[in-house]
Amino acid sequence: MAKTVEFFFDVGSPASYLAWTQLPGIAERAGAGIVWRPMLLGGVFKATGNRSPAEVPAKSRYMRKDIARYVERYGIRFQHNPDFPINTLLLMRGAEGYRDTPDFHRYLTAIFEAMWAEPRNLNDPNEAAKVLQAAGFDPAEVLRLTESQEVKDRLKASTSEAVERGVFGAPTFFVGDQMWFGQDRLDWVERALS
């Protein structure tokens, strides 16, 4: 493939979910590949001094309206998760652990949908285990994977690299050395890939 887009994301970001629903189609139309880059958004916020839009009342109100616009535009399922914010540390370790395996997309689908399409309280380990089991995963195996030092180190490294490259939130995309922040910049990503 001639071009690739790097997709830095965290499943706790509703904008990452919106981007996840659209990016595969964009890449397919452009004949491009996607480099999946799980990162820990909380770590990015801490390193950059940024804050979640949920912590800024005016921004939070606007973002909810903007998400609703894009949900309608994209024709996708979305419900604000009543348990938001959710600590995504273990969930993102799972994404990193499965990243280069055939189970990656099944894992992401299960987690993103349980987070934003049919919201579940993924802060509750029992609820997360039910979601994973319904998707065909052994929750004990997923937990072992998330406790692996190698997986922990890879997620830390990906998060650090994101910060070093100028990432301050999720989702963030790179095509070559060009960076775009926010799912509302997908038209620019598509243009760069085409």
Protein backbone atom coordinates (compact mmCIF):
# COMPACT_ATOMS: atom_id res chain seq x y z
CA MET A 1 0.00 0.00 0.00
CA ALA A 2 1.29 3.38 -0.98
CA LYS A 3 0.13 5.28 2.10
CA THR A 4 -0.81 4.62 5.68
CA VAL A 5 -2.60 6.56 8.36
CA GLU A 6 -1.56 6.21 11.98
CA PHE A 7 -4.56 6.28 14.29
CA PHE A 8 -3.75 7.21 17.91
CA PHE A 9 -6.84 6.46 20.00
CA ASP A 10 -8.29 5.58 23.38
CA VAL A 11 -11.59 3.69 23.68
CA GLY A 12 -12.71 6.12 26.39
CA SER A 13 -12.88 8.91 23.83
CA PRO A 14 -16.26 9.21 22.10
CA ALA A 15 -14.53 11.03 19.24
CA SER A 16 -12.18 8.03 18.85
CA TYR A 17 -15.26 5.83 18.56
CA LEU A 18 -16.70 8.06 15.83
CA ALA A 19 -13.39 7.96 13.95
CA TRP A 20 -13.14 4.17 14.37
CA THR A 21 -16.49 3.77 12.62
CA GLN A 22 -15.30 5.79 9.60
CA LEU A 23 -11.56 5.28 9.19
CA PRO A 24 -11.65 1.77 7.64
CA GLY A 25 -13.91 3.02 4.83
CA ILE A 26 -11.64 6.00 4.22
CA ALA A 27 -8.57 3.77 4.07
CA GLU A 28 -10.31 1.32 1.74
CA ARG A 29 -11.40 4.06 -0.67
CA ALA A 30 -7.85 5.44 -0.71
CA GLY A 31 -6.17 2.03 -1.00
CA ALA A 32 -4.29 2.85 2.20
CA GLY A 33 -3.43 0.99 5.37
CA ILE A 34 -4.20 1.83 8.98
CA VAL A 35 -1.52 1.68 11.65
CA TRP A 36 -3.45 1.18 14.89
CA ARG A 37 -1.83 3.10 17.77
CA PRO A 38 -3.48 2.47 21.14
CA MET A 39 -2.46 5.08 23.72
CA LEU A 40 -3.54 6.03 27.21
CA LEU A 41 -5.38 9.34 26.91
CA GLY A 42 -5.03 10.07 30.62
CA GLY A 43 -1.26 9.83 30.23
CA VAL A 44 -1.36 12.19 27.26
CA PHE A 45 -3.48 14.69 29.21
CA LYS A 46 -1.09 14.54 32.17
CA ALA A 47 2.01 14.99 29.99
CA THR A 48 0.56 17.87 27.96
CA GLY A 49 -1.47 19.70 30.60
CA ASN A 50 -4.65 19.07 28.62
CA ARG A 51 -7.99 18.16 30.18
CA SER A 52 -10.95 16.10 29.14
CA PRO A 53 -13.77 18.12 27.55
CA ALA A 54 -15.99 16.55 30.22
CA GLU A 55 -14.16 18.70 32.79
CA VAL A 56 -15.00 21.96 31.00
CA PRO A 57 -18.79 22.53 31.18
CA ALA A 58 -19.15 24.74 28.09
CA LYS A 59 -16.93 22.46 26.01
CA SER A 60 -18.78 19.39 27.27
CA ARG A 61 -22.17 20.83 26.24
CA TYR A 62 -20.84 21.74 22.81
CA MET A 63 -19.15 18.39 22.30
CA ARG A 64 -22.36 16.48 23.05
CA LYS A 65 -24.17 18.51 20.38
CA ASP A 66 -21.33 18.07 17.90
CA ILE A 67 -21.19 14.31 18.49
CA ALA A 68 -24.94 14.12 17.84
CA ARG A 69 -24.42 15.91 14.51
CA TYR A 70 -21.77 13.43 13.43
CA VAL A 71 -23.75 10.42 14.65
CA GLU A 72 -26.58 11.53 12.38
CA ARG A 73 -24.21 12.27 9.50
CA TYR A 74 -22.49 8.89 9.78
CA GLY A 75 -25.68 6.94 10.45
CA ILE A 76 -24.15 5.05 13.38
CA ARG A 77 -25.31 3.89 16.79
CA PHE A 78 -24.22 6.04 19.72
CA GLN A 79 -25.34 6.58 23.29
CA HIS A 80 -23.48 8.65 25.83
CA ASN A 81 -22.17 6.24 28.44
CA PRO A 82 -23.82 7.12 31.78
CA ASP A 83 -20.76 5.75 33.61
CA PHE A 84 -18.37 8.08 31.76
CA PRO A 85 -15.58 8.74 32.48
CA ILE A 86 -14.30 5.18 32.53
CA ASN A 87 -10.76 4.27 33.54
CA THR A 88 -9.43 2.74 30.33
CA LEU A 89 -6.03 1.55 31.56
CA LEU A 90 -6.82 -2.17 31.39
CA LEU A 91 -8.97 -1.77 28.28
CA MET A 92 -6.15 -0.02 26.43
CA ARG A 93 -3.63 -2.59 27.62
CA GLY A 94 -5.96 -5.16 26.07
CA ALA A 95 -6.03 -3.20 22.80
CA GLU A 96 -2.25 -3.03 22.78
CA GLY A 97 -1.96 -6.70 23.71
CA TYR A 98 -4.18 -7.81 20.84
CA ARG A 99 -2.97 -5.18 18.35
CA ASP A 100 -0.92 -7.45 16.11
CA THR A 101 -3.17 -10.49 16.40
CA PRO A 102 -6.20 -11.75 14.46
CA ASP A 103 -8.34 -10.96 17.54
CA PHE A 104 -7.61 -7.21 17.53
CA HIS A 105 -10.64 -6.01 15.57
CA ARG A 106 -13.00 -8.32 17.46
CA TYR A 107 -11.62 -6.94 20.73
CA LEU A 108 -11.95 -3.32 19.60
CA THR A 109 -15.47 -3.89 18.32
CA ALA A 110 -16.56 -5.43 21.63
CA ILE A 111 -15.04 -2.64 23.73
CA PHE A 112 -16.00 0.34 21.55
CA GLU A 113 -19.59 -0.88 21.23
CA ALA A 114 -19.86 -1.57 24.97
CA MET A 115 -18.50 1.88 25.60
CA TRP A 116 -20.50 3.95 23.09
CA ALA A 117 -23.12 1.97 21.13
CA GLU A 118 -24.80 -0.06 23.88
CA PRO A 119 -23.17 1.45 26.97
CA ARG A 120 -22.02 -0.82 29.73
CA ASN A 121 -20.19 0.09 32.93
CA LEU A 122 -16.70 -1.04 31.95
CA ASN A 123 -15.38 0.34 35.26
CA ASP A 124 -16.94 -2.80 36.77
CA PRO A 125 -14.61 -5.79 36.19
CA ASN A 126 -17.56 -8.21 36.20
CA GLU A 127 -19.36 -6.19 33.53
CA ALA A 128 -16.20 -5.95 31.42
CA ALA A 129 -15.74 -9.72 31.76
CA LYS A 130 -19.31 -10.30 30.50
CA VAL A 131 -18.68 -8.07 27.47
CA LEU A 132 -15.46 -9.90 26.64
CA GLN A 133 -16.98 -13.33 27.16
CA ALA A 134 -19.91 -12.46 24.87
CA ALA A 135 -17.35 -11.51 22.20
CA GLY A 136 -15.65 -14.90 22.50
CA PHE A 137 -12.77 -13.95 24.79
CA ASP A 138 -11.69 -15.72 27.95
CA PRO A 139 -11.72 -12.89 30.53
CA ALA A 140 -8.97 -14.57 32.56
CA GLU A 141 -6.76 -14.70 29.44
CA VAL A 142 -7.45 -11.01 28.73
CA LEU A 143 -6.54 -10.14 32.33
CA ARG A 144 -3.25 -12.08 32.05
CA LEU A 145 -2.48 -10.20 28.85
CA THR A 146 -3.17 -6.81 30.47
CA GLU A 147 -0.84 -7.73 33.36
CA SER A 148 2.03 -8.62 30.99
CA GLN A 149 5.01 -6.32 31.51
CA GLU A 150 5.70 -6.37 27.78
CA VAL A 151 2.18 -5.10 27.02
CA LYS A 152 2.41 -2.46 29.77
CA ASP A 153 5.74 -1.26 28.37
CA ARG A 154 4.43 -1.14 24.79
CA LEU A 155 1.41 0.97 25.81
CA LYS A 156 3.65 3.34 27.79
CA ALA A 157 6.01 3.63 24.81
CA SER A 158 3.15 4.33 22.40
CA THR A 159 1.74 6.98 24.73
CA SER A 160 5.17 8.60 25.16
CA GLU A 161 5.76 8.57 21.42
CA ALA A 162 2.38 10.20 20.85
CA VAL A 163 3.29 13.05 23.23
CA GLU A 164 6.73 13.46 21.65
CA ARG A 165 5.09 13.80 18.23
CA GLY A 166 2.71 16.53 19.41
CA VAL A 167 -0.42 14.53 20.29
CA PHE A 168 -2.54 16.21 22.98
CA GLY A 169 -5.84 14.36 22.63
CA ALA A 170 -7.73 11.60 20.88
CA PRO A 171 -8.17 10.75 18.16
CA THR A 172 -5.05 11.97 16.40
CA PHE A 173 -4.02 10.93 12.92
CA PHE A 174 -0.73 11.05 11.06
CA VAL A 175 -0.19 10.66 7.34
CA GLY A 176 3.56 10.92 6.99
CA ASP A 177 4.56 13.86 9.15
CA GLN A 178 1.19 15.63 8.83
CA MET A 179 -0.92 15.52 11.99
CA TRP A 180 -4.65 16.07 12.46
CA PHE A 181 -6.51 16.09 15.77
CA GLY A 182 -10.16 15.14 16.08
CA GLN A 183 -12.56 12.93 14.18
CA ASP A 184 -13.90 16.08 12.53
CA ARG A 185 -10.65 16.23 10.54
CA LEU A 186 -11.24 12.93 8.74
CA ASP A 187 -11.85 14.78 5.46
CA TRP A 188 -8.28 16.09 5.65
CA VAL A 189 -6.99 12.59 6.42
CA GLU A 190 -8.84 11.23 3.39
CA ARG A 191 -7.48 13.98 1.18
CA ALA A 192 -3.91 13.26 2.33
CA LEU A 193 -4.35 9.53 1.67
CA SER A 194 -5.84 10.11 -1.78
